[in-house]
């Protein structure tokens, strides 16, 4: 049966114009440019030679007509004297021509230094010079373009929240609250589990009410698909979880069938723990205009598709958080007190985060623990430490580039690094364990015996700025 929401899978993720220009640039080699220019110059020289030959012949005919030296008229029965060249008139005309014009001039050709493969060497040198000038000009243009182009961030092809999912202007709509109530205890975790071929958004926002509410709207261009959407709710006292499930159908009746959902989770002060898991393509966003907090927040987007989005905001403050994206983008900012874990190791998701450790009034000696694990996707971390928390960071990648900025955060301690290649600033001592070597001691920032600690492991490239 036809699948759902094929339009997002067909959406181009590349810069087609840029790829076209790159392909054209690769095809234009110096040898081809030189051959084309040489061919044009050779053709031009050949045409000039033909034109000069025609002008030369025209000049001779014009000069002969002006001197009255046109050849004798045609005779059907020439005399024998004419045949042997003894006709006195013809002889007098030839003699007079010699006296008036002198010997018949020959057209002078432009001298050439040499000929190579039937082509004058001066043409070869001229074509070579033009090709070199063109390549120098092209190089200058590329240099100017490179200087004016912003550095790539890895976010050039990031989809737009909600809008890129499509299926908005459709005739069939269903709205309902799929959960409304309170949890058995304050240690119960509310779990939102999403699966199916439908796509959609999840917005986390605050609520002044005592009850937790999960509201939802479903849109589709086929009325029958709405009837196939399933909801369920189940509690597990042993695991202390309350799970709300949303399951969308896996196929429609046509290739253009689409179904999307838009879920809003209203978080009151009474909710402490929230978990969101999704096997569907989904865009999750924290409400940037709300101010709210959780004790524990886990979000796991399991789909490998490149259209997933997780857009956290520091407006949602948590004690512990774990964020995982297999495919797509994790972009935004996080604010945490105890521990933050970014686990994108099982895919190619791109991660770009600003990290804000919160003040820990109960234990000033407790470090803010940040752990990141990424796969082949790029990782950008900008660490901000306005409350000067102790730092304990671990960054691991299976090959994706890592850009780690800890500039101005008051880091004091060792930096343990194993990387295939690197770029670093602000470090003192030798850069640790690059290419498998074991240094005498690890490099450090600030006080080398300080309490901060950082561990980096990657077979790829890492940039580290303090």
Protein backbone atom coordinates (compact mmCIF):
# COMPACT_ATOMS: atom_id res chain seq x y z
CA UNK A 1 0.00 0.00 0.00
CA UNK A 2 1.15 3.57 -0.59
CA UNK A 3 3.12 5.06 2.28
CA UNK A 4 2.27 8.25 4.15
CA UNK A 5 3.90 11.67 3.89
CA UNK A 6 6.16 10.89 0.95
CA UNK A 7 6.58 14.60 0.31
CA UNK A 8 9.02 15.12 3.17
CA UNK A 9 11.17 12.20 2.05
CA UNK A 10 11.44 13.69 -1.43
CA UNK A 11 12.43 17.11 -0.19
CA UNK A 12 15.87 18.05 -1.45
CA UNK A 13 18.46 18.42 1.27
CA UNK A 14 21.18 19.81 -0.94
CA UNK A 15 21.98 23.08 -2.56
CA UNK A 16 21.26 22.15 -6.19
CA UNK A 17 22.66 25.39 -7.55
CA UNK A 18 25.84 24.88 -5.58
CA UNK A 19 26.19 21.28 -6.79
CA UNK A 20 25.66 22.37 -10.39
CA UNK A 21 28.37 25.01 -10.11
CA UNK A 22 30.73 22.51 -8.49
CA UNK A 23 30.13 20.00 -11.31
CA UNK A 24 30.73 22.66 -13.95
CA UNK A 25 33.93 23.75 -12.20
CA UNK A 26 35.21 20.17 -12.13
CA UNK A 27 34.59 19.80 -15.89
CA UNK A 28 36.50 22.99 -16.78
CA UNK A 29 40.11 21.84 -16.62
CA UNK A 30 43.17 23.84 -17.71
CA UNK A 31 43.85 21.43 -20.58
CA UNK A 32 40.33 21.82 -21.96
CA UNK A 33 40.45 25.60 -21.69
CA UNK A 34 43.81 25.67 -23.47
CA UNK A 35 42.56 23.35 -26.24
CA UNK A 36 39.44 25.46 -26.84
CA UNK A 37 41.42 28.72 -26.96
CA UNK A 38 44.00 27.21 -29.31
CA UNK A 39 41.25 25.93 -31.60
CA UNK A 40 39.61 29.35 -31.70
CA UNK A 41 42.90 31.13 -32.44
CA UNK A 42 43.80 28.62 -35.16
CA UNK A 43 40.41 29.02 -36.81
CA UNK A 44 40.70 32.80 -36.59
CA UNK A 45 44.17 32.72 -38.17
CA UNK A 46 42.89 30.49 -40.97
CA UNK A 47 40.05 32.90 -41.74
CA UNK A 48 42.44 35.87 -41.75
CA UNK A 49 44.72 34.08 -44.22
CA UNK A 50 41.77 33.41 -46.53
CA UNK A 51 40.63 37.03 -46.33
CA UNK A 52 44.14 38.36 -47.09
CA UNK A 53 44.41 36.00 -50.06
CA UNK A 54 41.12 37.28 -51.46
CA UNK A 55 42.15 40.92 -50.90
CA UNK A 56 45.48 40.29 -52.60
CA UNK A 57 43.82 38.83 -55.67
CA UNK A 58 41.31 41.66 -55.82
CA UNK A 59 44.13 44.21 -55.63
CA UNK A 60 45.96 42.62 -58.56
CA UNK A 61 42.82 42.59 -60.70
CA UNK A 62 42.04 46.21 -59.83
CA UNK A 63 45.57 47.36 -60.68
CA UNK A 64 45.49 45.45 -63.97
CA UNK A 65 42.18 47.00 -65.00
CA UNK A 66 43.41 50.51 -64.19
CA UNK A 67 46.47 50.09 -66.42
CA UNK A 68 44.44 48.72 -69.34
CA UNK A 69 46.09 45.38 -69.09
CA UNK A 70 43.05 43.21 -69.20
CA UNK A 71 43.73 39.94 -70.98
CA UNK A 72 42.92 39.81 -74.75
CA UNK A 73 39.38 38.96 -75.74
CA UNK A 74 38.42 35.36 -76.11
CA UNK A 75 38.69 33.94 -79.65
CA UNK A 76 36.93 30.85 -80.91
CA UNK A 77 39.65 30.22 -83.54
CA UNK A 78 42.92 31.54 -82.26
CA UNK A 79 45.66 31.81 -84.82
CA UNK A 80 48.71 29.69 -84.70
CA UNK A 81 50.75 32.70 -83.70
CA UNK A 82 48.58 33.17 -80.67
CA UNK A 83 48.99 29.56 -79.68
CA UNK A 84 52.77 29.79 -79.73
CA UNK A 85 52.79 33.15 -77.94
CA UNK A 86 53.84 35.21 -81.04
CA UNK A 87 50.80 37.44 -81.18
CA UNK A 88 52.22 40.90 -81.23
CA UNK A 89 49.32 42.41 -79.26
CA UNK A 90 49.67 39.94 -76.42
CA UNK A 91 53.42 40.43 -76.38
CA UNK A 92 53.06 44.19 -76.28
CA UNK A 93 50.52 43.92 -73.44
CA UNK A 94 52.84 41.72 -71.40
CA UNK A 95 55.77 43.99 -71.99
CA UNK A 96 53.77 47.05 -71.03
CA UNK A 97 52.54 45.31 -67.88
CA UNK A 98 56.10 44.58 -66.90
CA UNK A 99 57.08 48.18 -67.51
CA UNK A 100 54.09 49.68 -65.64
CA UNK A 101 53.80 47.27 -62.67
CA UNK A 102 57.17 45.66 -62.61
CA UNK A 103 57.39 41.98 -61.70
CA UNK A 104 54.12 40.52 -60.25
CA UNK A 105 54.32 40.78 -56.44
CA UNK A 106 53.69 37.80 -54.25
CA UNK A 107 51.71 37.99 -50.96
CA UNK A 108 53.94 38.04 -47.94
CA UNK A 109 52.93 35.75 -45.09
CA UNK A 110 53.55 36.68 -41.49
CA UNK A 111 56.74 35.06 -40.35
CA UNK A 112 56.42 32.36 -37.68
CA UNK A 113 59.13 31.22 -35.31
CA UNK A 114 58.30 27.55 -35.77
CA UNK A 115 55.54 25.08 -36.53
CA UNK A 116 54.47 22.32 -34.15
CA UNK A 117 51.98 19.67 -35.31
CA UNK A 118 50.95 21.98 -38.13
CA UNK A 119 50.25 24.92 -35.79
CA UNK A 120 52.39 28.04 -35.54
CA UNK A 121 54.18 28.22 -32.20
CA UNK A 122 53.12 31.83 -31.70
CA UNK A 123 49.49 30.67 -31.61
CA UNK A 124 50.37 28.03 -29.03
CA UNK A 125 52.12 30.60 -26.82
CA UNK A 126 49.24 33.04 -27.20
CA UNK A 127 46.66 30.37 -26.25
CA UNK A 128 48.77 29.34 -23.27
CA UNK A 129 49.00 32.93 -22.05
CA UNK A 130 45.24 33.50 -22.38
CA UNK A 131 44.47 30.23 -20.56
CA UNK A 132 46.80 31.17 -17.70
CA UNK A 133 45.18 34.63 -17.40
CA UNK A 134 41.70 33.10 -17.37
CA UNK A 135 42.66 30.61 -14.68
CA UNK A 136 44.25 33.35 -12.57
CA UNK A 137 41.08 35.42 -12.90
CA UNK A 138 38.92 32.43 -11.98
CA UNK A 139 41.14 31.79 -8.97
CA UNK A 140 40.75 35.39 -7.82
CA UNK A 141 36.94 35.10 -8.11
CA UNK A 142 36.91 31.86 -6.12
CA UNK A 143 39.12 33.43 -3.47
CA UNK A 144 36.78 36.42 -3.20
CA UNK A 145 33.75 34.12 -2.96
CA UNK A 146 35.45 32.07 -0.25
CA UNK A 147 36.32 35.23 1.72
CA UNK A 148 32.75 36.52 1.55
CA UNK A 149 31.05 33.18 2.28
CA UNK A 150 30.29 32.50 5.97
CA UNK A 151 31.93 29.45 7.49
CA UNK A 152 29.71 26.35 7.29
CA UNK A 153 27.85 25.52 10.48
CA UNK A 154 26.36 22.17 9.51
CA UNK A 155 22.88 23.71 9.72
CA UNK A 156 22.58 24.85 6.10
CA UNK A 157 20.01 22.15 5.24
CA UNK A 158 18.15 22.08 8.54
CA UNK A 159 14.38 21.81 7.98
CA UNK A 160 12.01 24.50 9.21
CA UNK A 161 10.05 23.64 12.32
CA UNK A 162 6.54 22.36 11.54
CA UNK A 163 6.28 23.97 8.10
CA UNK A 164 8.69 21.54 6.42
CA UNK A 165 6.49 18.59 7.43
CA UNK A 166 3.70 19.70 5.07
CA UNK A 167 0.13 18.36 5.23
CA UNK A 168 -1.22 21.68 6.54
CA UNK A 169 -3.90 22.75 4.07
CA UNK A 170 -6.02 19.60 4.24
CA UNK A 171 -9.79 19.19 4.67
CA UNK A 172 -10.04 16.73 7.57
CA UNK A 173 -9.28 17.72 11.15
CA UNK A 174 -9.67 16.00 14.53
CA UNK A 175 -8.92 17.62 17.91
CA UNK A 176 -8.94 16.09 21.36
CA UNK A 177 -7.18 15.95 24.74
CA UNK A 178 -5.48 12.57 24.84
CA UNK A 179 -4.53 12.94 28.50
CA UNK A 180 -5.81 15.12 31.31
CA UNK A 181 -5.28 14.47 34.99
CA UNK A 182 -2.73 14.07 37.75
CA UNK A 183 -0.15 11.35 38.31
CA UNK A 184 -0.35 8.88 41.23
CA UNK A 185 2.82 10.21 42.88
CA UNK A 186 5.36 12.93 42.28
CA UNK A 187 7.88 10.20 41.42
CA UNK A 188 5.80 8.91 38.52
CA UNK A 189 7.20 9.56 35.06
CA UNK A 190 4.79 10.66 32.35
CA UNK A 191 5.76 8.92 29.08
CA UNK A 192 4.54 10.07 25.66
CA UNK A 193 5.13 7.30 23.13
CA UNK A 194 4.65 8.08 19.41
CA UNK A 195 4.85 5.60 16.53
CA UNK A 196 3.57 5.11 12.99
CA UNK A 197 4.09 6.72 9.59
CA UNK A 198 2.43 10.00 10.52
CA UNK A 199 4.58 13.09 11.08
CA UNK A 200 4.05 15.90 13.51
CA UNK A 201 5.17 18.30 16.21
CA UNK A 202 5.40 18.21 19.99
CA UNK A 203 5.50 21.48 21.93
CA UNK A 204 6.45 21.56 25.61
CA UNK A 205 4.96 24.51 27.48
CA UNK A 206 4.11 25.54 31.01
CA UNK A 207 0.73 25.47 32.72
CA UNK A 208 -0.71 27.19 35.78
CA UNK A 209 -3.25 24.43 36.33
CA UNK A 210 -2.81 21.53 38.71
CA UNK A 211 -3.61 18.94 36.07
CA UNK A 212 -1.34 17.69 33.33
CA UNK A 213 -2.88 18.05 29.91
CA UNK A 214 -1.79 16.67 26.53
CA UNK A 215 -3.84 18.20 23.74
CA UNK A 216 -3.65 17.09 20.14
CA UNK A 217 -4.92 17.89 16.67
CA UNK A 218 -4.70 15.52 13.69
CA UNK A 219 -4.92 16.58 10.05
CA UNK A 220 -5.18 14.47 6.91
CA UNK A 221 -6.25 14.65 3.29
CA UNK A 222 -8.01 11.30 3.66
CA UNK A 223 -10.89 11.00 6.11
CA UNK A 224 -10.36 7.27 6.59
CA UNK A 225 -6.87 7.83 8.02
CA UNK A 226 -8.27 9.70 11.02
CA UNK A 227 -10.25 6.63 12.02
CA UNK A 228 -7.06 4.54 12.06
CA UNK A 229 -5.27 6.71 14.62
CA UNK A 230 -5.11 4.92 17.98
CA UNK A 231 -4.68 6.25 21.51
CA UNK A 232 -4.00 4.32 24.68
CA UNK A 233 -3.07 4.95 28.27
CA UNK A 234 -1.59 2.55 30.77
CA UNK A 235 0.04 2.79 34.16
CA UNK A 236 2.84 0.69 35.59
CA UNK A 237 3.12 1.02 39.38
CA UNK A 238 6.34 -1.00 39.49
CA UNK A 239 8.18 1.25 37.02
CA UNK A 240 6.29 4.27 38.29
CA UNK A 241 5.32 5.32 34.78
CA UNK A 242 2.14 6.54 33.16
CA UNK A 243 2.34 5.99 29.40
CA UNK A 244 0.23 7.78 26.81
CA UNK A 245 0.57 6.23 23.35
CA UNK A 246 -0.21 7.74 19.97
CA UNK A 247 -0.09 5.39 16.99
CA UNK A 248 -0.69 6.58 13.42
CA UNK A 249 -1.38 4.34 10.39
CA UNK A 250 1.47 3.10 8.26
CA UNK A 251 -0.12 3.68 4.84
CA UNK A 252 -2.88 5.45 2.96
CA UNK A 253 -5.01 4.78 -0.08
CA UNK A 254 -2.92 6.93 -2.46
CA UNK A 255 0.65 8.04 -2.99
CA UNK A 256 -0.30 11.60 -1.96
CA UNK A 257 -1.85 10.55 1.34
CA UNK A 258 -0.64 12.53 4.34
CA UNK A 259 -1.34 12.68 8.05
CA UNK A 260 0.17 14.92 10.66
CA UNK A 261 -0.34 15.49 14.36
CA UNK A 262 0.37 18.50 16.54
CA UNK A 263 0.72 17.73 20.24
CA UNK A 264 1.06 20.23 23.09
CA UNK A 265 2.20 19.01 26.50
CA UNK A 266 1.09 21.43 29.23
CA UNK A 267 3.49 21.00 32.14
CA UNK A 268 2.29 22.12 35.59
CA UNK A 269 4.52 22.60 38.61
CA UNK A 270 3.35 19.23 39.96
CA UNK A 271 5.01 17.27 37.13
CA UNK A 272 8.58 16.24 37.90
CA UNK A 273 9.54 13.67 35.28
CA UNK A 274 8.72 13.53 31.59
CA UNK A 275 9.87 11.16 28.84
CA UNK A 276 9.11 11.41 25.12
CA UNK A 277 9.96 8.61 22.71
CA UNK A 278 9.14 8.62 19.01
CA UNK A 279 9.69 6.23 16.13
CA UNK A 280 7.92 8.68 13.80
CA UNK A 281 9.44 11.74 12.15
CA UNK A 282 8.73 14.47 14.67
CA UNK A 283 9.69 18.04 15.54
CA UNK A 284 10.01 18.63 19.31
CA UNK A 285 10.34 22.16 20.65
CA UNK A 286 10.50 23.82 24.06
CA UNK A 287 8.30 26.89 24.39
CA UNK A 288 10.74 29.81 24.46
CA UNK A 289 8.14 32.14 25.99
CA UNK A 290 7.45 29.90 29.01
CA UNK A 291 9.45 29.51 32.21
CA UNK A 292 9.15 26.06 33.77
CA UNK A 293 11.22 23.26 35.27
CA UNK A 294 11.44 19.51 35.58
CA UNK A 295 13.38 17.16 37.75
CA UNK A 296 14.07 14.70 34.94
CA UNK A 297 13.55 15.05 31.18
CA UNK A 298 14.28 12.36 28.57
CA UNK A 299 13.63 12.74 24.84
CA UNK A 300 14.53 9.97 22.41
CA UNK A 301 13.85 10.40 18.67
CA UNK A 302 14.54 6.99 17.18
CA UNK A 303 13.78 7.68 13.51
CA UNK A 304 16.85 7.75 11.26
CA UNK A 305 15.23 10.18 8.84
CA UNK A 306 17.00 13.51 8.27
CA UNK A 307 13.83 15.53 8.98
CA UNK A 308 13.74 15.06 12.75
CA UNK A 309 14.14 18.18 14.87
CA UNK A 310 14.77 18.64 18.58
CA UNK A 311 14.88 22.31 19.56
CA UNK A 312 15.53 22.70 23.30
CA UNK A 313 15.56 26.02 25.12
CA UNK A 314 17.18 27.15 28.36
CA UNK A 315 13.76 28.37 29.46
CA UNK A 316 13.09 24.80 30.55
CA UNK A 317 15.39 24.16 33.51
CA UNK A 318 16.07 20.58 34.56
CA UNK A 319 18.11 18.76 37.16
CA UNK A 320 18.90 15.87 34.82
CA UNK A 321 18.28 15.50 31.11
CA UNK A 322 19.04 13.00 28.38
CA UNK A 323 18.48 13.92 24.73
CA UNK A 324 18.94 11.47 21.85
CA UNK A 325 18.43 11.97 18.11
CA UNK A 326 19.30 9.29 15.55
CA UNK A 327 18.81 11.37 12.40
CA UNK A 328 18.14 15.06 11.88
CA UNK A 329 19.12 17.98 14.09
CA UNK A 330 19.48 18.77 17.77
CA UNK A 331 19.82 22.56 17.94
CA UNK A 332 19.25 25.04 20.74
CA UNK A 333 20.26 25.53 24.37
CA UNK A 334 19.96 23.50 27.56
CA UNK A 335 20.01 24.56 31.21
CA UNK A 336 20.70 21.86 33.81
CA UNK A 337 21.79 21.59 37.41
CA UNK A 338 23.23 18.10 37.77
CA UNK A 339 23.78 16.08 34.61
CA UNK A 340 23.13 16.48 30.88
CA UNK A 341 23.65 13.63 28.42
CA UNK A 342 23.52 14.01 24.64
CA UNK A 343 23.42 10.56 23.04
CA UNK A 344 23.46 10.80 19.22
CA UNK A 345 25.92 7.96 18.74
CA UNK A 346 23.66 5.72 16.66
CA UNK A 347 23.17 7.86 13.58
CA UNK A 348 24.24 10.96 11.69
CA UNK A 349 22.35 13.65 13.61
CA UNK A 350 23.87 17.12 13.73
CA UNK A 351 24.20 18.66 17.19
CA UNK A 352 24.59 22.37 17.89
CA UNK A 353 24.04 23.36 21.53
CA UNK A 354 24.72 26.14 24.00
CA UNK A 355 25.12 24.69 27.47
CA UNK A 356 24.19 26.60 30.64
CA UNK A 357 24.96 24.87 33.98
CA UNK A 358 22.68 26.20 36.70
CA UNK A 359 23.78 27.21 40.17
CA UNK A 360 23.87 24.39 42.72
CA UNK A 361 23.10 26.06 46.06
CA UNK A 362 22.94 22.77 47.99
CA UNK A 363 26.43 21.58 47.02
CA UNK A 364 28.85 24.14 45.64
CA UNK A 365 31.50 21.44 45.13
CA UNK A 366 29.26 19.32 42.88
CA UNK A 367 30.43 19.59 39.25
CA UNK A 368 28.08 20.06 36.32
CA UNK A 369 28.42 16.85 34.32
CA UNK A 370 28.09 17.05 30.55
CA UNK A 371 28.37 13.92 28.42
CA UNK A 372 28.08 13.87 24.64
CA UNK A 373 28.24 10.86 22.33
CA UNK A 374 27.88 11.49 18.61
CA UNK A 375 28.14 9.39 15.47
CA UNK A 376 29.11 10.69 12.05
CA UNK A 377 27.28 13.97 12.48
CA UNK A 378 28.92 17.24 13.47
CA UNK A 379 28.96 18.40 17.10
CA UNK A 380 29.12 22.05 18.19
CA UNK A 381 29.17 22.82 21.91
CA UNK A 382 29.40 26.34 23.30
CA UNK A 383 29.79 26.13 27.07
CA UNK A 384 28.63 29.05 29.22
CA UNK A 385 29.33 29.08 32.94
CA UNK A 386 27.95 32.27 34.46
CA UNK A 387 27.77 30.72 37.95
CA UNK A 388 31.35 29.34 37.70
CA UNK A 389 30.33 25.74 38.39
CA UNK A 390 32.95 23.03 38.50
CA UNK A 391 33.22 21.40 35.06
CA UNK A 392 33.22 17.68 34.30
CA UNK A 393 32.80 17.06 30.56
CA UNK A 394 33.13 13.99 28.34
CA UNK A 395 32.94 14.18 24.55
CA UNK A 396 33.02 11.03 22.40
CA UNK A 397 32.54 10.70 18.65
CA UNK A 398 32.77 7.82 16.19
CA UNK A 399 34.09 10.09 13.43
CA UNK A 400 32.09 13.30 13.19
CA UNK A 401 33.90 16.61 13.64
CA UNK A 402 33.69 18.17 17.10
CA UNK A 403 33.82 21.92 17.76
CA UNK A 404 34.14 22.53 21.51
CA UNK A 405 34.19 26.10 22.81
CA UNK A 406 34.97 26.60 26.52
CA UNK A 407 36.28 30.10 26.17
CA UNK A 408 35.91 32.30 29.26
CA UNK A 409 34.25 29.67 31.51
CA UNK A 410 36.96 29.63 34.18
CA UNK A 411 38.25 26.16 33.41
CA UNK A 412 41.06 24.98 35.72
CA UNK A 413 42.42 21.48 35.29
CA UNK A 414 43.65 18.76 32.97
CA UNK A 415 42.39 17.99 29.48
CA UNK A 416 42.60 14.33 28.44
CA UNK A 417 42.40 14.07 24.64
CA UNK A 418 42.77 11.29 22.10
CA UNK A 419 42.01 12.50 18.57
CA UNK A 420 42.94 11.70 15.00
CA UNK A 421 43.65 15.38 14.32
CA UNK A 422 42.99 18.58 16.18
CA UNK A 423 43.11 22.33 16.50
CA UNK A 424 43.41 23.88 19.96
CA UNK A 425 43.93 27.24 21.62
CA UNK A 426 44.47 28.15 25.26
CA UNK A 427 46.08 24.85 26.23
CA UNK A 428 49.36 24.60 28.09
CA UNK A 429 51.72 21.68 27.81
CA UNK A 430 51.66 18.99 25.13
CA UNK A 431 48.42 17.98 23.45
CA UNK A 432 47.54 14.62 24.93
CA UNK A 433 47.72 11.28 23.17
CA UNK A 434 47.35 12.38 19.59
CA UNK A 435 47.94 9.52 17.15
CA UNK A 436 48.35 7.00 19.96
CA UNK A 437 51.37 8.62 21.64
CA UNK A 438 51.57 8.78 25.43
CA UNK A 439 52.84 12.13 26.71
CA UNK A 440 54.59 12.54 30.01
CA UNK A 441 51.63 14.52 31.36
CA UNK A 442 48.31 15.77 30.09
CA UNK A 443 47.92 19.37 28.97
CA UNK A 444 46.01 21.79 31.16
CA UNK A 445 44.21 25.11 31.29
CA UNK A 446 44.69 27.58 34.11
CA UNK A 447 45.76 25.67 37.22
CA UNK A 448 46.90 22.23 36.09
CA UNK A 449 46.03 20.80 39.49
CA UNK A 450 42.56 22.35 39.36
CA UNK A 451 39.31 20.42 39.98
CA UNK A 452 37.88 20.63 36.45
CA UNK A 453 38.16 17.66 34.13
CA UNK A 454 37.56 16.98 30.44
CA UNK A 455 37.88 13.78 28.43
CA UNK A 456 37.74 13.69 24.61
CA UNK A 457 37.84 10.59 22.41
CA UNK A 458 37.46 10.59 18.63
CA UNK A 459 39.19 9.02 15.60
CA UNK A 460 38.28 12.18 13.68
CA UNK A 461 38.93 15.88 14.07
CA UNK A 462 38.36 18.03 17.14
CA UNK A 463 38.59 21.78 17.61
CA UNK A 464 39.04 22.91 21.22
CA UNK A 465 38.99 26.54 22.30
CA UNK A 466 39.59 27.84 25.85
